[in-house]
PDB file of N, CA and C in Angstrom:
ATOM      1  N   MET A   1     -10.635  50.315 109.437  1.00  0.00           N
ATOM      2  CA  MET A   1     -10.779  49.617 108.189  1.00  0.00           C
ATOM      3  C   MET A   1     -10.001  48.311 108.257  1.00  0.00           C
ATOM      4  N   ASP A   2     -10.610  47.233 107.785  1.00  0.00           N
ATOM      5  CA  ASP A   2      -9.973  45.921 107.722  1.00  0.00           C
ATOM      6  C   ASP A   2      -8.795  45.978 106.757  1.00  0.00           C
ATOM      7  N   GLU A   3      -7.638  45.442 107.157  1.00  0.00           N
ATOM      8  CA  GLU A   3      -6.437  45.466 106.318  1.00  0.00           C
ATOM      9  C   GLU A   3      -6.647  44.761 104.986  1.00  0.00           C
ATOM     10  N   LYS A   4      -7.540  43.785 104.951  1.00  0.00           N
ATOM     11  CA  LYS A   4      -7.770  43.020 103.723  1.00  0.00           C
ATOM     12  C   LYS A   4      -8.851  43.639 102.847  1.00  0.00           C
ATOM     13  N   GLN A   5      -9.497  44.685 103.313  1.00  0.00           N
ATOM     14  CA  GLN A   5     -10.548  45.325 102.540  1.00  0.00           C
ATOM     15  C   GLN A   5      -9.934  46.014 101.322  1.00  0.00           C
ATOM     16  N   ILE A   6     -10.547  45.826 100.180  1.00  0.00           N
ATOM     17  CA  ILE A   6     -10.055  46.429  98.941  1.00  0.00           C
ATOM     18  C   ILE A   6     -10.645  47.828  98.827  1.00  0.00           C
ATOM     19  N   VAL A   7      -9.798  48.804  98.637  1.00  0.00           N
ATOM     20  CA  VAL A   7     -10.229  50.179  98.472  1.00  0.00           C
ATOM     21  C   VAL A   7     -10.465  50.431  96.988  1.00  0.00           C
ATOM     22  N   ASN A   8     -11.615  50.977  96.650  1.00  0.00           N
ATOM     23  CA  ASN A   8     -12.000  51.265  95.268  1.00  0.00           C
ATOM     24  C   ASN A   8     -11.820  50.060  94.345  1.00  0.00           C
ATOM     25  N   PRO A   9     -12.530  48.976  94.597  1.00  0.00           N
ATOM     26  CA  PRO A   9     -12.345  47.773  93.785  1.00  0.00           C
ATOM     27  C   PRO A   9     -12.653  47.988  92.315  1.00  0.00           C
ATOM     28  N   HIS A  10     -13.641  48.839  91.997  1.00  0.00           N
ATOM     29  CA  HIS A  10     -13.967  49.090  90.596  1.00  0.00           C
ATOM     30  C   HIS A  10     -12.785  49.740  89.880  1.00  0.00           C
ATOM     31  N   ALA A  11     -12.255  50.775  90.469  1.00  0.00           N
ATOM     32  CA  ALA A  11     -11.130  51.489  89.855  1.00  0.00           C
ATOM     33  C   ALA A  11      -9.923  50.573  89.730  1.00  0.00           C
ATOM     34  N   ASN A  12      -9.635  49.811  90.782  1.00  0.00           N
ATOM     35  CA  ASN A  12      -8.492  48.891  90.735  1.00  0.00           C
ATOM     36  C   ASN A  12      -8.652  47.862  89.625  1.00  0.00           C
ATOM     37  N   PHE A  13      -9.845  47.293  89.512  1.00  0.00           N
ATOM     38  CA  PHE A  13     -10.092  46.295  88.479  1.00  0.00           C
ATOM     39  C   PHE A  13      -9.876  46.879  87.083  1.00  0.00           C
ATOM     40  N   PHE A  14     -10.521  48.002  86.797  1.00  0.00           N
ATOM     41  CA  PHE A  14     -10.434  48.562  85.454  1.00  0.00           C
ATOM     42  C   PHE A  14      -9.021  49.029  85.115  1.00  0.00           C
ATOM     43  N   GLN A  15      -8.320  49.588  86.078  1.00  0.00           N
ATOM     44  CA  GLN A  15      -6.946  50.006  85.795  1.00  0.00           C
ATOM     45  C   GLN A  15      -6.049  48.815  85.525  1.00  0.00           C
ATOM     46  N   LYS A  16      -6.200  47.748  86.296  1.00  0.00           N
ATOM     47  CA  LYS A  16      -5.356  46.564  86.063  1.00  0.00           C
ATOM     48  C   LYS A  16      -5.661  45.904  84.727  1.00  0.00           C
ATOM     49  N   VAL A  17      -6.928  45.797  84.389  1.00  0.00           N
ATOM     50  CA  VAL A  17      -7.312  45.167  83.129  1.00  0.00           C
ATOM     51  C   VAL A  17      -6.884  46.031  81.947  1.00  0.00           C
ATOM     52  N   PHE A  18      -7.198  47.317  81.997  1.00  0.00           N
ATOM     53  CA  PHE A  18      -6.927  48.175  80.848  1.00  0.00           C
ATOM     54  C   PHE A  18      -5.490  48.661  80.781  1.00  0.00           C
ATOM     55  N   PHE A  19      -4.703  48.370  81.798  1.00  0.00           N
ATOM     56  CA  PHE A  19      -3.271  48.660  81.717  1.00  0.00           C
ATOM     57  C   PHE A  19      -2.622  47.741  80.679  1.00  0.00           C
ATOM     58  N   ARG A  20      -3.242  46.593  80.439  1.00  0.00           N
ATOM     59  CA  ARG A  20      -2.756  45.672  79.412  1.00  0.00           C
ATOM     60  C   ARG A  20      -3.080  46.255  78.045  1.00  0.00           C
ATOM     61  N   TYR A  21      -2.046  46.449  77.239  1.00  0.00           N
ATOM     62  CA  TYR A  21      -2.207  47.058  75.925  1.00  0.00           C
ATOM     63  C   TYR A  21      -3.194  46.279  75.060  1.00  0.00           C
ATOM     64  N   ASP A  22      -3.127  44.943  75.078  1.00  0.00           N
ATOM     65  CA  ASP A  22      -3.992  44.141  74.211  1.00  0.00           C
ATOM     66  C   ASP A  22      -5.468  44.331  74.563  1.00  0.00           C
ATOM     67  N   VAL A  23      -5.780  44.429  75.845  1.00  0.00           N
ATOM     68  CA  VAL A  23      -7.163  44.629  76.270  1.00  0.00           C
ATOM     69  C   VAL A  23      -7.639  46.029  75.869  1.00  0.00           C
ATOM     70  N   ALA A  24      -6.818  47.036  76.125  1.00  0.00           N
ATOM     71  CA  ALA A  24      -7.191  48.413  75.777  1.00  0.00           C
ATOM     72  C   ALA A  24      -7.397  48.556  74.271  1.00  0.00           C
ATOM     73  N   ARG A  25      -6.490  47.983  73.506  1.00  0.00           N
ATOM     74  CA  ARG A  25      -6.585  48.064  72.042  1.00  0.00           C
ATOM     75  C   ARG A  25      -7.856  47.372  71.556  1.00  0.00           C
ATOM     76  N   ASP A  26      -8.137  46.188  72.063  1.00  0.00           N
ATOM     77  CA  ASP A  26      -9.355  45.475  71.673  1.00  0.00           C
ATOM     78  C   ASP A  26     -10.604  46.264  72.041  1.00  0.00           C
ATOM     79  N   PHE A  27     -10.604  46.874  73.212  1.00  0.00           N
ATOM     80  CA  PHE A  27     -11.761  47.667  73.632  1.00  0.00           C
ATOM     81  C   PHE A  27     -11.990  48.827  72.670  1.00  0.00           C
ATOM     82  N   VAL A  28     -10.923  49.554  72.350  1.00  0.00           N
ATOM     83  CA  VAL A  28     -11.025  50.689  71.428  1.00  0.00           C
ATOM     84  C   VAL A  28     -11.516  50.215  70.062  1.00  0.00           C
ATOM     85  N   CYS A  29     -10.955  49.145  69.571  1.00  0.00           N
ATOM     86  CA  CYS A  29     -11.335  48.628  68.247  1.00  0.00           C
ATOM     87  C   CYS A  29     -12.784  48.152  68.198  1.00  0.00           C
ATOM     88  N   ASN A  30     -13.276  47.607  69.306  1.00  0.00           N
ATOM     89  CA  ASN A  30     -14.629  47.055  69.313  1.00  0.00           C
ATOM     90  C   ASN A  30     -15.723  48.049  69.665  1.00  0.00           C
ATOM     91  N   TYR A  31     -15.372  49.127  70.381  1.00  0.00           N
ATOM     92  CA  TYR A  31     -16.421  50.019  70.863  1.00  0.00           C
ATOM     93  C   TYR A  31     -16.395  51.423  70.270  1.00  0.00           C
ATOM     94  N   LEU A  32     -15.360  51.763  69.548  1.00  0.00           N
ATOM     95  CA  LEU A  32     -15.354  53.044  68.840  1.00  0.00           C
ATOM     96  C   LEU A  32     -15.759  52.802  67.395  1.00  0.00           C
ATOM     97  N   PRO A  33     -16.320  53.810  66.739  1.00  0.00           N
ATOM     98  CA  PRO A  33     -16.702  53.642  65.330  1.00  0.00           C
ATOM     99  C   PRO A  33     -15.491  53.276  64.467  1.00  0.00           C
ATOM    100  N   VAL A  34     -15.713  52.385  63.518  1.00  0.00           N
ATOM    101  CA  VAL A  34     -14.644  51.895  62.652  1.00  0.00           C
ATOM    102  C   VAL A  34     -13.915  53.041  61.959  1.00  0.00           C
ATOM    103  N   LYS A  35     -14.650  54.032  61.479  1.00  0.00           N
ATOM    104  CA  LYS A  35     -14.023  55.164  60.780  1.00  0.00           C
ATOM    105  C   LYS A  35     -13.074  55.930  61.695  1.00  0.00           C
ATOM    106  N   LEU A  36     -13.408  56.020  62.966  1.00  0.00           N
ATOM    107  CA  LEU A  36     -12.523  56.691  63.917  1.00  0.00           C
ATOM    108  C   LEU A  36     -11.291  55.832  64.198  1.00  0.00           C
ATOM    109  N   VAL A  37     -11.494  54.553  64.427  1.00  0.00           N
ATOM    110  CA  VAL A  37     -10.375  53.644  64.709  1.00  0.00           C
ATOM    111  C   VAL A  37      -9.372  53.654  63.554  1.00  0.00           C
ATOM    112  N   GLN A  38      -9.860  53.742  62.333  1.00  0.00           N
ATOM    113  CA  GLN A  38      -8.982  53.752  61.161  1.00  0.00           C
ATOM    114  C   GLN A  38      -8.066  54.975  61.126  1.00  0.00           C
ATOM    115  N   LEU A  39      -8.438  56.036  61.817  1.00  0.00           N
ATOM    116  CA  LEU A  39      -7.616  57.254  61.866  1.00  0.00           C
ATOM    117  C   LEU A  39      -6.524  57.184  62.929  1.00  0.00           C
ATOM    118  N   LEU A  40      -6.608  56.195  63.833  1.00  0.00           N
ATOM    119  CA  LEU A  40      -5.716  56.131  64.983  1.00  0.00           C
ATOM    120  C   LEU A  40      -4.488  55.269  64.731  1.00  0.00           C
ATOM    121  N   ASP A  41      -3.371  55.694  65.314  1.00  0.00           N
ATOM    122  CA  ASP A  41      -2.167  54.859  65.358  1.00  0.00           C
ATOM    123  C   ASP A  41      -2.210  54.133  66.693  1.00  0.00           C
ATOM    124  N   LEU A  42      -2.792  52.951  66.697  1.00  0.00           N
ATOM    125  CA  LEU A  42      -3.010  52.229  67.956  1.00  0.00           C
ATOM    126  C   LEU A  42      -1.720  51.776  68.616  1.00  0.00           C
ATOM    127  N   ASN A  43      -0.602  51.824  67.914  1.00  0.00           N
ATOM    128  CA  ASN A  43       0.695  51.514  68.531  1.00  0.00           C
ATOM    129  C   ASN A  43       1.093  52.574  69.554  1.00  0.00           C
ATOM    130  N   THR A  44       0.453  53.749  69.503  1.00  0.00           N
ATOM    131  CA  THR A  44       0.774  54.831  70.441  1.00  0.00           C
ATOM    132  C   THR A  44      -0.193  54.890  71.620  1.00  0.00           C
ATOM    133  N   LEU A  45      -1.142  53.977  71.674  1.00  0.00           N
ATOM    134  CA  LEU A  45      -2.154  53.978  72.732  1.00  0.00           C
ATOM    135  C   LEU A  45      -1.504  53.730  74.092  1.00  0.00           C
ATOM    136  N   GLU A  46      -1.764  54.632  75.034  1.00  0.00           N
ATOM    137  CA  GLU A  46      -1.251  54.436  76.395  1.00  0.00           C
ATOM    138  C   GLU A  46      -2.226  54.982  77.413  1.00  0.00           C
ATOM    139  N   LEU A  47      -2.268  54.333  78.554  1.00  0.00           N
ATOM    140  CA  LEU A  47      -3.169  54.711  79.637  1.00  0.00           C
ATOM    141  C   LEU A  47      -2.551  55.821  80.462  1.00  0.00           C
ATOM    142  N   ASP A  48      -3.336  56.874  80.675  1.00  0.00           N
ATOM    143  CA  ASP A  48      -2.951  57.960  81.571  1.00  0.00           C
ATOM    144  C   ASP A  48      -3.488  57.586  82.949  1.00  0.00           C
ATOM    145  N   ARG A  49      -2.690  57.672  83.969  1.00  0.00           N
ATOM    146  CA  ARG A  49      -3.083  57.199  85.313  1.00  0.00           C
ATOM    147  C   ARG A  49      -4.027  58.149  86.055  1.00  0.00           C
ATOM    148  N   GLU A  50      -4.306  59.309  85.502  1.00  0.00           N
ATOM    149  CA  GLU A  50      -5.122  60.284  86.202  1.00  0.00           C
ATOM    150  C   GLU A  50      -6.609  59.942  86.122  1.00  0.00           C
ATOM    151  N   SER A  51      -7.338  60.207  87.195  1.00  0.00           N
ATOM    152  CA  SER A  51      -8.783  59.988  87.243  1.00  0.00           C
ATOM    153  C   SER A  51      -9.477  61.331  87.435  1.00  0.00           C
ATOM    154  N   PHE A  52     -10.664  61.448  86.852  1.00  0.00           N
ATOM    155  CA  PHE A  52     -11.418  62.686  86.962  1.00  0.00           C
ATOM    156  C   PHE A  52     -12.752  62.476  87.662  1.00  0.00           C
ATOM    157  N   VAL A  53     -12.969  61.280  88.194  1.00  0.00           N
ATOM    158  CA  VAL A  53     -14.193  60.975  88.923  1.00  0.00           C
ATOM    159  C   VAL A  53     -14.143  61.662  90.283  1.00  0.00           C
ATOM    160  N   ASP A  54     -15.253  62.253  90.671  1.00  0.00           N
ATOM    161  CA  ASP A  54     -15.368  62.879  91.977  1.00  0.00           C
ATOM    162  C   ASP A  54     -15.091  61.835  93.054  1.00  0.00           C
ATOM    163  N   ILE A  55     -14.339  62.199  94.064  1.00  0.00           N
ATOM    164  CA  ILE A  55     -13.955  61.271  95.133  1.00  0.00           C
ATOM    165  C   ILE A  55     -15.183  60.643  95.800  1.00  0.00           C
ATOM    166  N   LEU A  56     -16.279  61.373  95.878  1.00  0.00           N
ATOM    167  CA  LEU A  56     -17.493  60.849  96.501  1.00  0.00           C
ATOM    168  C   LEU A  56     -18.156  59.756  95.656  1.00  0.00           C
ATOM    169  N   LEU A  57     -17.830  59.712  94.368  1.00  0.00           N
ATOM    170  CA  LEU A  57     -18.445  58.736  93.469  1.00  0.00           C
ATOM    171  C   LEU A  57     -17.514  57.578  93.121  1.00  0.00           C
ATOM    172  N   SER A  58     -16.332  57.571  93.681  1.00  0.00           N
ATOM    173  CA  SER A  58     -15.323  56.591  93.272  1.00  0.00           C
ATOM    174  C   SER A  58     -15.682  55.143  93.641  1.00  0.00           C
ATOM    175  N   ALA A  59     -16.627  54.947  94.536  1.00  0.00           N
ATOM    176  CA  ALA A  59     -17.020  53.584  94.884  1.00  0.00           C
ATOM    177  C   ALA A  59     -17.882  52.946  93.794  1.00  0.00           C
ATOM    178  N   THR A  60     -18.538  53.768  92.979  1.00  0.00           N
ATOM    179  CA  THR A  60     -19.426  53.233  91.940  1.00  0.00           C
ATOM    180  C   THR A  60     -18.980  53.599  90.528  1.00  0.00           C
ATOM    181  N   GLN A  61     -17.910  54.361  90.408  1.00  0.00           N
ATOM    182  CA  GLN A  61     -17.460  54.793  89.095  1.00  0.00           C
ATOM    183  C   GLN A  61     -15.966  54.581  88.947  1.00  0.00           C
ATOM    184  N   SER A  62     -15.561  54.318  87.725  1.00  0.00           N
ATOM    185  CA  SER A  62     -14.149  54.266  87.368  1.00  0.00           C
ATOM    186  C   SER A  62     -14.018  54.952  86.021  1.00  0.00           C
ATOM    187  N   ASP A  63     -12.943  55.647  85.847  1.00  0.00           N
ATOM    188  CA  ASP A  63     -12.733  56.269  84.551  1.00  0.00           C
ATOM    189  C   ASP A  63     -11.309  56.026  84.091  1.00  0.00           C
ATOM    190  N   LEU A  64     -11.135  56.071  82.796  1.00  0.00           N
ATOM    191  CA  LEU A  64      -9.834  55.858  82.179  1.00  0.00           C
ATOM    192  C   LEU A  64      -9.629  56.903  81.107  1.00  0.00           C
ATOM    193  N   VAL A  65      -8.422  57.424  81.029  1.00  0.00           N
ATOM    194  CA  VAL A  65      -8.059  58.342  79.959  1.00  0.00           C
ATOM    195  C   VAL A  65      -6.902  57.692  79.207  1.00  0.00           C
ATOM    196  N   PHE A  66      -7.095  57.551  77.915  1.00  0.00           N
ATOM    197  CA  PHE A  66      -6.040  57.024  77.061  1.00  0.00           C
ATOM    198  C   PHE A  66      -5.504  58.133  76.185  1.00  0.00           C
ATOM    199  N   LYS A  67      -4.210  58.139  75.990  1.00  0.00           N
ATOM    200  CA  LYS A  67      -3.572  59.032  75.030  1.00  0.00           C
ATOM    201  C   LYS A  67      -3.296  58.209  73.781  1.00  0.00           C
ATOM    202  N   VAL A  68      -3.531  58.790  72.632  1.00  0.00           N
ATOM    203  CA  VAL A  68      -3.261  58.106  71.368  1.00  0.00           C
ATOM    204  C   VAL A  68      -2.985  59.166  70.306  1.00  0.00           C
ATOM    205  N   ARG A  69      -2.207  58.808  69.329  1.00  0.00           N
ATOM    206  CA  ARG A  69      -1.960  59.709  68.197  1.00  0.00           C
ATOM    207  C   ARG A  69      -2.768  59.247  66.999  1.00  0.00           C
ATOM    208  N   ARG A  70      -3.222  60.226  66.248  1.00  0.00           N
ATOM    209  CA  ARG A  70      -3.823  59.890  64.965  1.00  0.00           C
ATOM    210  C   ARG A  70      -2.700  59.546  63.997  1.00  0.00           C
ATOM    211  N   LYS A  71      -3.036  58.962  62.890  1.00  0.00           N
ATOM    212  CA  LYS A  71      -2.031  58.601  61.901  1.00  0.00           C
ATOM    213  C   LYS A  71      -1.342  59.828  61.313  1.00  0.00           C
ATOM    214  N   ASP A  72      -1.998  60.996  61.401  1.00  0.00           N
ATOM    215  CA  ASP A  72      -1.367  62.233  60.929  1.00  0.00           C
ATOM    216  C   ASP A  72      -0.500  62.890  62.008  1.00  0.00           C
ATOM    217  N   GLY A  73      -0.357  62.225  63.173  1.00  0.00           N
ATOM    218  CA  GLY A  73       0.529  62.708  64.235  1.00  0.00           C
ATOM    219  C   GLY A  73      -0.139  63.531  65.319  1.00  0.00           C
ATOM    220  N   LYS A  74      -1.358  63.983  65.116  1.00  0.00           N
ATOM    221  CA  LYS A  74      -2.047  64.782  66.133  1.00  0.00           C
ATOM    222  C   LYS A  74      -2.429  63.909  67.322  1.00  0.00           C
ATOM    223  N   LYS A  75      -2.388  64.508  68.524  1.00  0.00           N
ATOM    224  CA  LYS A  75      -2.695  63.784  69.763  1.00  0.00           C
ATOM    225  C   LYS A  75      -4.196  63.831  70.055  1.00  0.00           C
ATOM    226  N   LEU A  76      -4.696  62.732  70.598  1.00  0.00           N
ATOM    227  CA  LEU A  76      -6.091  62.642  71.016  1.00  0.00           C
ATOM    228  C   LEU A  76      -6.165  62.030  72.404  1.00  0.00           C
ATOM    229  N   LEU A  77      -7.263  62.291  73.087  1.00  0.00           N
ATOM    230  CA  LEU A  77      -7.569  61.616  74.346  1.00  0.00           C
ATOM    231  C   LEU A  77      -8.843  60.823  74.148  1.00  0.00           C
ATOM    232  N   ILE A  78      -8.881  59.630  74.703  1.00  0.00           N
ATOM    233  CA  ILE A  78     -10.089  58.816  74.726  1.00  0.00           C
ATOM    234  C   ILE A  78     -10.470  58.670  76.188  1.00  0.00           C
ATOM    235  N   TYR A  79     -11.667  59.124  76.515  1.00  0.00           N
ATOM    236  CA  TYR A  79     -12.130  59.078  77.898  1.00  0.00           C
ATOM    237  C   TYR A  79     -13.209  58.008  78.023  1.00  0.00           C
ATOM    238  N   ILE A  80     -13.019  57.074  78.942  1.00  0.00           N
ATOM    239  CA  ILE A  80     -13.978  55.995  79.166  1.00  0.00           C
ATOM    240  C   ILE A  80     -14.434  56.073  80.617  1.00  0.00           C
ATOM    241  N   LEU A  81     -15.736  56.123  80.801  1.00  0.00           N
ATOM    242  CA  LEU A  81     -16.318  56.155  82.138  1.00  0.00           C
ATOM    243  C   LEU A  81     -17.130  54.889  82.341  1.00  0.00           C
ATOM    244  N   PHE A  82     -16.785  54.123  83.368  1.00  0.00           N
ATOM    245  CA  PHE A  82     -17.542  52.941  83.747  1.00  0.00           C
ATOM    246  C   PHE A  82     -18.313  53.297  85.003  1.00  0.00           C
ATOM    247  N   GLU A  83     -19.616  53.133  84.932  1.00  0.00           N
ATOM    248  CA  GLU A  83     -20.419  53.511  86.086  1.00  0.00           C
ATOM    249  C   GLU A  83     -21.620  52.583  86.214  1.00  0.00           C
ATOM    250  N   HIS A  84     -21.890  52.204  87.431  1.00  0.00           N
ATOM    251  CA  HIS A  84     -23.091  51.425  87.708  1.00  0.00           C
ATOM    252  C   HIS A  84     -24.167  52.389  88.193  1.00  0.00           C
ATOM    253  N   LYS A  85     -25.262  52.441  87.458  1.00  0.00           N
ATOM    254  CA  LYS A  85     -26.410  53.242  87.886  1.00  0.00           C
ATOM    255  C   LYS A  85     -27.586  52.295  88.064  1.00  0.00           C
ATOM    256  N   SER A  86     -28.252  52.408  89.180  1.00  0.00           N
ATOM    257  CA  SER A  86     -29.402  51.547  89.442  1.00  0.00           C
ATOM    258  C   SER A  86     -30.710  52.256  89.093  1.00  0.00           C
ATOM    259  N   PHE A  87     -30.592  53.411  88.437  1.00  0.00           N
ATOM    260  CA  PHE A  87     -31.775  54.181  88.066  1.00  0.00           C
ATOM    261  C   PHE A  87     -31.446  54.991  86.813  1.00  0.00           C
ATOM    262  N   VAL A  88     -32.484  55.439  86.132  1.00  0.00           N
ATOM    263  CA  VAL A  88     -32.298  56.306  84.972  1.00  0.00           C
ATOM    264  C   VAL A  88     -31.954  57.701  85.495  1.00  0.00           C
ATOM    265  N   ASP A  89     -30.833  58.209  85.068  1.00  0.00           N
ATOM    266  CA  ASP A  89     -30.356  59.507  85.543  1.00  0.00           C
ATOM    267  C   ASP A  89     -30.493  60.528  84.422  1.00  0.00           C
ATOM    268  N   ARG A  90     -31.452  61.416  84.546  1.00  0.00           N
ATOM    269  CA  ARG A  90     -31.682  62.389  83.479  1.00  0.00           C
ATOM    270  C   ARG A  90     -30.578  63.443  83.407  1.00  0.00           C
ATOM    271  N   TRP A  91     -29.690  63.470  84.387  1.00  0.00           N
ATOM    272  CA  TRP A  91     -28.615  64.454  84.414  1.00  0.00           C
ATOM    273  C   TRP A  91     -27.265  63.879  83.994  1.00  0.00           C
ATOM    274  N   VAL A  92     -27.264  62.702  83.402  1.00  0.00           N
ATOM    275  CA  VAL A  92     -26.002  62.042  83.065  1.00  0.00           C
ATOM    276  C   VAL A  92     -25.176  62.862  82.066  1.00  0.00           C
ATOM    277  N   LEU A  93     -25.811  63.539  81.124  1.00  0.00           N
ATOM    278  CA  LEU A  93     -25.048  64.358  80.171  1.00  0.00           C
ATOM    279  C   LEU A  93     -24.375  65.534  80.878  1.00  0.00           C
ATOM    280  N   PHE A  94     -25.048  66.098  81.859  1.00  0.00           N
ATOM    281  CA  PHE A  94     -24.447  67.173  82.650  1.00  0.00           C
ATOM    282  C   PHE A  94     -23.249  66.645  83.438  1.00  0.00           C
ATOM    283  N   GLN A  95     -23.373  65.439  83.976  1.00  0.00           N
ATOM    284  CA  GLN A  95     -22.279  64.791  84.699  1.00  0.00           C
ATOM    285  C   GLN A  95     -21.082  64.591  83.763  1.00  0.00           C
ATOM    286  N   LEU A  96     -21.335  64.081  82.565  1.00  0.00           N
ATOM    287  CA  LEU A  96     -20.258  63.877  81.593  1.00  0.00           C
ATOM    288  C   LEU A  96     -19.608  65.196  81.192  1.00  0.00           C
ATOM    289  N   LEU A  97     -20.401  66.232  81.036  1.00  0.00           N
ATOM    290  CA  LEU A  97     -19.852  67.543  80.722  1.00  0.00           C
ATOM    291  C   LEU A  97     -18.881  67.993  81.803  1.00  0.00           C
ATOM    292  N   GLY A  98     -19.218  67.727  83.055  1.00  0.00           N
ATOM    293  CA  GLY A  98     -18.319  68.074  84.164  1.00  0.00           C
ATOM    294  C   GLY A  98     -16.976  67.381  84.039  1.00  0.00           C
ATOM    295  N   TYR A  99     -16.993  66.095  83.659  1.00  0.00           N
ATOM    296  CA  TYR A  99     -15.738  65.368  83.476  1.00  0.00           C
ATOM    297  C   TYR A  99     -14.936  65.940  82.318  1.00  0.00           C
ATOM    298  N   ILE A 100     -15.619  66.272  81.234  1.00  0.00           N
ATOM    299  CA  ILE A 100     -14.930  66.848  80.071  1.00  0.00           C
ATOM    300  C   ILE A 100     -14.279  68.175  80.449  1.00  0.00           C
ATOM    301  N   VAL A 101     -14.970  68.981  81.241  1.00  0.00           N
ATOM    302  CA  VAL A 101     -14.408  70.258  81.693  1.00  0.00           C
ATOM    303  C   VAL A 101     -13.183  70.013  82.572  1.00  0.00           C
ATOM    304  N   ARG A 102     -13.259  69.061  83.505  1.00  0.00           N
ATOM    305  CA  ARG A 102     -12.107  68.760  84.372  1.00  0.00           C
ATOM    306  C   ARG A 102     -10.896  68.310  83.555  1.00  0.00           C
ATOM    307  N   ILE A 103     -11.136  67.440  82.590  1.00  0.00           N
ATOM    308  CA  ILE A 103     -10.044  66.963  81.743  1.00  0.00           C
ATOM    309  C   ILE A 103      -9.440  68.127  80.963  1.00  0.00           C
ATOM    310  N   SER A 104     -10.287  68.962  80.392  1.00  0.00           N
ATOM    311  CA  SER A 104      -9.812  70.102  79.607  1.00  0.00           C
ATOM    312  C   SER A 104      -9.025  71.081  80.467  1.00  0.00           C
ATOM    313  N   GLU A 105      -9.503  71.340  81.678  1.00  0.00           N
ATOM    314  CA  GLU A 105      -8.784  72.236  82.580  1.00  0.00           C
ATOM    315  C   GLU A 105      -7.404  71.679  82.925  1.00  0.00           C
ATOM    316  N   GLN A 106      -7.330  70.375  83.195  1.00  0.00           N
ATOM    317  CA  GLN A 106      -6.049  69.746  83.518  1.00  0.00           C
ATOM    318  C   GLN A 106      -5.097  69.821  82.336  1.00  0.00           C
ATOM    319  N   ARG A 107      -5.574  69.524  81.152  1.00  0.00           N
ATOM    320  CA  ARG A 107      -4.726  69.575  79.949  1.00  0.00           C
ATOM    321  C   ARG A 107      -4.253  70.987  79.674  1.00  0.00           C
ATOM    322  N   LYS A 108      -5.115  71.964  79.915  1.00  0.00           N
ATOM    323  CA  LYS A 108      -4.729  73.368  79.725  1.00  0.00           C
ATOM    324  C   LYS A 108      -3.621  73.739  80.702  1.00  0.00           C
ATOM    325  N   ARG A 109      -3.766  73.338  81.974  1.00  0.00           N
ATOM    326  CA  ARG A 109      -2.717  73.610  82.969  1.00  0.00           C
ATOM    327  C   ARG A 109      -1.405  72.944  82.580  1.00  0.00           C
ATOM    328  N   ASP A 110      -1.486  71.706  82.117  1.00  0.00           N
ATOM    329  CA  ASP A 110      -0.276  70.959  81.745  1.00  0.00           C
ATOM    330  C   ASP A 110       0.447  71.579  80.554  1.00  0.00           C
ATOM    331  N   SER A 111      -0.306  72.114  79.611  1.00  0.00           N
ATOM    332  CA  SER A 111       0.310  72.628  78.394  1.00  0.00           C
ATOM    333  C   SER A 111       0.878  74.034  78.554  1.00  0.00           C
ATOM    334  N   CYS A 112       0.373  74.773  79.528  1.00  0.00           N
ATOM    335  CA  CYS A 112       0.836  76.160  79.655  1.00  0.00           C
ATOM    336  C   CYS A 112       1.958  76.319  80.668  1.00  0.00           C
ATOM    337  N   CYS A 113       2.325  75.274  81.384  1.00  0.00           N
ATOM    338  CA  CYS A 113       3.346  75.398  82.441  1.00  0.00           C
ATOM    339  C   CYS A 113       4.646  74.722  82.074  1.00  0.00           C
TER     340      CYS A 113
END
């Protein structure tokens, strides 16, 4: 491998951009429903460094998990998946379900140990 070759450029780009609080906050405010955003304490928004994308798909996909508290103090996760698809994938909901299961399994392990 060439020393100057960038490994996982998509993931690197999205993590660097969304690590900035102002960018992450703007993204959440602009792309989530207003009623949901109004329930969130955006001052608590933080990026979780863990990825749930399958290693085989990491060249074309990047994902981000944000932790945030609602205004009533309850914790929430916001999962964002960035993916380039060059075709209509009828199994995309099944793919997303897999990510949701992985995230849930990880959170369950973290909370019980």
